[in-house]
């Protein structure tokens, strides 16, 4: 599930990146839908990895920590994007933001594909 989600983030970010240059609302919506589906799949995959090993009494705390980190992971880039818009304009900010998402997804994709080693 995480692998498919990571793979969806790349075309989603690229479509979102192309939308302002193409003046295409369809590209914006399609890119947002793909990226949202990818993010949802990655989130579900992460929860499926985190929660089962946690003891029943630790699951609530684990889930709370996961959501705190998730909200930070979503809010900090949004604040940075707002700062970039003020400094460089919308097109440059969107380009930098999408390029960062693509680079991070492409960096994580080989690791997700590689079989895990258990000791």
C-alpha atoms as a PDB file:
ATOM      1  CA  UNK A   1       0.000   0.000   0.000  1.00  0.00           C
ATOM      2  CA  UNK A   2       2.813   2.425   0.848  1.00  0.00           C
ATOM      3  CA  UNK A   3       4.624   1.569  -2.367  1.00  0.00           C
ATOM      4  CA  UNK A   4       1.577   2.365  -4.514  1.00  0.00           C
ATOM      5  CA  UNK A   5       0.987   5.560  -2.545  1.00  0.00           C
ATOM      6  CA  UNK A   6       4.575   6.701  -2.986  1.00  0.00           C
ATOM      7  CA  UNK A   7       4.338   5.969  -6.712  1.00  0.00           C
ATOM      8  CA  UNK A   8       1.154   8.093  -6.959  1.00  0.00           C
ATOM      9  CA  UNK A   9       2.830  11.080  -5.305  1.00  0.00           C
ATOM     10  CA  UNK A  10       5.198  11.603  -8.252  1.00  0.00           C
ATOM     11  CA  UNK A  11       2.605  12.059 -11.039  1.00  0.00           C
ATOM     12  CA  UNK A  12       0.354  13.921  -8.616  1.00  0.00           C
ATOM     13  CA  UNK A  13       3.077  16.425  -7.807  1.00  0.00           C
ATOM     14  CA  UNK A  14       4.077  16.757 -11.466  1.00  0.00           C
ATOM     15  CA  UNK A  15       0.482  17.435 -12.530  1.00  0.00           C
ATOM     16  CA  UNK A  16       0.099  19.962  -9.742  1.00  0.00           C
ATOM     17  CA  UNK A  17       3.386  21.539 -10.813  1.00  0.00           C
ATOM     18  CA  UNK A  18       2.255  21.842 -14.415  1.00  0.00           C
ATOM     19  CA  UNK A  19      -1.155  23.361 -13.596  1.00  0.00           C
ATOM     20  CA  UNK A  20      -0.038  26.995 -13.033  1.00  0.00           C
ATOM     21  CA  UNK A  21       2.183  26.976 -16.121  1.00  0.00           C
ATOM     22  CA  UNK A  22      -0.598  25.498 -18.262  1.00  0.00           C
ATOM     23  CA  UNK A  23      -3.334  27.575 -16.625  1.00  0.00           C
ATOM     24  CA  UNK A  24      -5.199  24.268 -16.306  1.00  0.00           C
ATOM     25  CA  UNK A  25      -7.730  23.748 -13.574  1.00  0.00           C
ATOM     26  CA  UNK A  26      -8.114  20.120 -14.703  1.00  0.00           C
ATOM     27  CA  UNK A  27      -4.388  19.453 -14.153  1.00  0.00           C
ATOM     28  CA  UNK A  28      -4.640  21.025 -10.710  1.00  0.00           C
ATOM     29  CA  UNK A  29      -7.620  18.866  -9.723  1.00  0.00           C
ATOM     30  CA  UNK A  30      -6.133  15.689 -11.215  1.00  0.00           C
ATOM     31  CA  UNK A  31      -2.764  16.290  -9.546  1.00  0.00           C
ATOM     32  CA  UNK A  32      -4.422  17.014  -6.225  1.00  0.00           C
ATOM     33  CA  UNK A  33      -6.544  13.847  -6.496  1.00  0.00           C
ATOM     34  CA  UNK A  34      -3.532  11.661  -7.330  1.00  0.00           C
ATOM     35  CA  UNK A  35      -1.379  13.176  -4.604  1.00  0.00           C
ATOM     36  CA  UNK A  36      -4.223  12.872  -2.087  1.00  0.00           C
ATOM     37  CA  UNK A  37      -4.775   9.212  -2.972  1.00  0.00           C
ATOM     38  CA  UNK A  38      -1.043   8.609  -2.673  1.00  0.00           C
ATOM     39  CA  UNK A  39      -0.833  10.357   0.674  1.00  0.00           C
ATOM     40  CA  UNK A  40      -3.802   8.382   1.978  1.00  0.00           C
ATOM     41  CA  UNK A  41      -2.256   5.086   0.902  1.00  0.00           C
ATOM     42  CA  UNK A  42       1.082   5.993   2.489  1.00  0.00           C
ATOM     43  CA  UNK A  43      -0.672   6.987   5.724  1.00  0.00           C
ATOM     44  CA  UNK A  44      -2.642   3.733   5.847  1.00  0.00           C
ATOM     45  CA  UNK A  45       0.505   1.724   5.145  1.00  0.00           C
ATOM     46  CA  UNK A  46       2.371   3.521   7.923  1.00  0.00           C
ATOM     47  CA  UNK A  47      -0.433   2.865  10.409  1.00  0.00           C
ATOM     48  CA  UNK A  48      -0.502  -0.808   9.427  1.00  0.00           C
ATOM     49  CA  UNK A  49       3.205  -1.015  10.227  1.00  0.00           C
ATOM     50  CA  UNK A  50       3.074   0.975  13.475  1.00  0.00           C
ATOM     51  CA  UNK A  51       0.024  -0.265  15.321  1.00  0.00           C
ATOM     52  CA  UNK A  52       0.204  -4.093  15.273  1.00  0.00           C
ATOM     53  CA  UNK A  53       3.552  -4.365  17.104  1.00  0.00           C
ATOM     54  CA  UNK A  54       2.414  -1.903  19.796  1.00  0.00           C
ATOM     55  CA  UNK A  55       1.010  -3.422  22.972  1.00  0.00           C
ATOM     56  CA  UNK A  56      -2.726  -2.807  23.437  1.00  0.00           C
ATOM     57  CA  UNK A  57      -2.036  -0.301  26.201  1.00  0.00           C
ATOM     58  CA  UNK A  58       0.423   1.602  24.011  1.00  0.00           C
ATOM     59  CA  UNK A  59      -1.671   1.897  20.845  1.00  0.00           C
ATOM     60  CA  UNK A  60      -3.470   5.089  21.849  1.00  0.00           C
ATOM     61  CA  UNK A  61      -0.179   6.829  22.597  1.00  0.00           C
ATOM     62  CA  UNK A  62       1.385   5.506  19.411  1.00  0.00           C
ATOM     63  CA  UNK A  63      -1.570   6.739  17.355  1.00  0.00           C
ATOM     64  CA  UNK A  64      -1.505  10.135  19.099  1.00  0.00           C
ATOM     65  CA  UNK A  65       2.227  10.529  18.397  1.00  0.00           C
ATOM     66  CA  UNK A  66       1.655   9.496  14.773  1.00  0.00           C
ATOM     67  CA  UNK A  67      -1.018  12.161  14.320  1.00  0.00           C
ATOM     68  CA  UNK A  68       1.051  14.882  16.012  1.00  0.00           C
ATOM     69  CA  UNK A  69       3.930  14.117  13.653  1.00  0.00           C
ATOM     70  CA  UNK A  70       1.541  13.946  10.685  1.00  0.00           C
ATOM     71  CA  UNK A  71       0.094  17.365  11.449  1.00  0.00           C
ATOM     72  CA  UNK A  72       3.578  18.812  11.834  1.00  0.00           C
ATOM     73  CA  UNK A  73       4.615  17.184   8.560  1.00  0.00           C
ATOM     74  CA  UNK A  74       1.664  18.847   6.820  1.00  0.00           C
ATOM     75  CA  UNK A  75       1.714  22.248   8.520  1.00  0.00           C
ATOM     76  CA  UNK A  76       5.416  23.081   8.382  1.00  0.00           C
ATOM     77  CA  UNK A  77       5.633  22.705   4.555  1.00  0.00           C
ATOM     78  CA  UNK A  78       2.409  24.728   4.171  1.00  0.00           C
ATOM     79  CA  UNK A  79       3.867  27.570   6.248  1.00  0.00           C
ATOM     80  CA  UNK A  80       7.122  27.388   4.270  1.00  0.00           C
ATOM     81  CA  UNK A  81       5.143  27.456   1.015  1.00  0.00           C
ATOM     82  CA  UNK A  82       3.373  30.600   2.227  1.00  0.00           C
ATOM     83  CA  UNK A  83       6.726  32.223   2.951  1.00  0.00           C
ATOM     84  CA  UNK A  84       8.038  31.193  -0.473  1.00  0.00           C
ATOM     85  CA  UNK A  85       4.970  32.706  -2.135  1.00  0.00           C
ATOM     86  CA  UNK A  86       5.634  36.027  -0.405  1.00  0.00           C
ATOM     87  CA  UNK A  87       9.304  35.939  -1.375  1.00  0.00           C
ATOM     88  CA  UNK A  88       9.226  34.474  -4.899  1.00  0.00           C
ATOM     89  CA  UNK A  89       5.612  34.316  -6.114  1.00  0.00           C
ATOM     90  CA  UNK A  90       3.118  31.506  -6.567  1.00  0.00           C
ATOM     91  CA  UNK A  91       4.637  29.799  -9.610  1.00  0.00           C
ATOM     92  CA  UNK A  92       8.104  29.562  -8.114  1.00  0.00           C
ATOM     93  CA  UNK A  93       6.734  28.389  -4.769  1.00  0.00           C
ATOM     94  CA  UNK A  94       4.598  25.701  -6.435  1.00  0.00           C
ATOM     95  CA  UNK A  95       7.576  24.577  -8.510  1.00  0.00           C
ATOM     96  CA  UNK A  96       9.861  24.316  -5.475  1.00  0.00           C
ATOM     97  CA  UNK A  97       7.205  22.561  -3.399  1.00  0.00           C
ATOM     98  CA  UNK A  98       6.348  20.014  -6.110  1.00  0.00           C
ATOM     99  CA  UNK A  99      10.000  19.410  -6.970  1.00  0.00           C
ATOM    100  CA  UNK A 100      10.714  18.690  -3.302  1.00  0.00           C
ATOM    101  CA  UNK A 101       7.800  16.219  -3.128  1.00  0.00           C
ATOM    102  CA  UNK A 102       8.995  14.458  -6.301  1.00  0.00           C
ATOM    103  CA  UNK A 103      12.591  14.244  -5.047  1.00  0.00           C
ATOM    104  CA  UNK A 104      11.516  12.888  -1.655  1.00  0.00           C
ATOM    105  CA  UNK A 105       9.165  10.345  -3.244  1.00  0.00           C
ATOM    106  CA  UNK A 106      11.816   9.206  -5.723  1.00  0.00           C
ATOM    107  CA  UNK A 107      14.322   8.921  -2.878  1.00  0.00           C
ATOM    108  CA  UNK A 108      11.956   6.751  -0.844  1.00  0.00           C
ATOM    109  CA  UNK A 109      10.671   4.618  -3.710  1.00  0.00           C
ATOM    110  CA  UNK A 110      13.775   2.387  -4.089  1.00  0.00           C
ATOM    111  CA  UNK A 111      13.774   1.754  -0.346  1.00  0.00           C
ATOM    112  CA  UNK A 112      10.104   0.767  -0.464  1.00  0.00           C
ATOM    113  CA  UNK A 113      10.750  -1.608  -3.364  1.00  0.00           C
ATOM    114  CA  UNK A 114      13.800  -3.244  -1.762  1.00  0.00           C
ATOM    115  CA  UNK A 115      12.917  -6.363   0.233  1.00  0.00           C
ATOM    116  CA  UNK A 116      13.256  -5.819   3.955  1.00  0.00           C
ATOM    117  CA  UNK A 117      15.880  -7.697   5.900  1.00  0.00           C
ATOM    118  CA  UNK A 118      14.856  -9.165   9.197  1.00  0.00           C
ATOM    119  CA  UNK A 119      17.528 -10.130  11.659  1.00  0.00           C
END
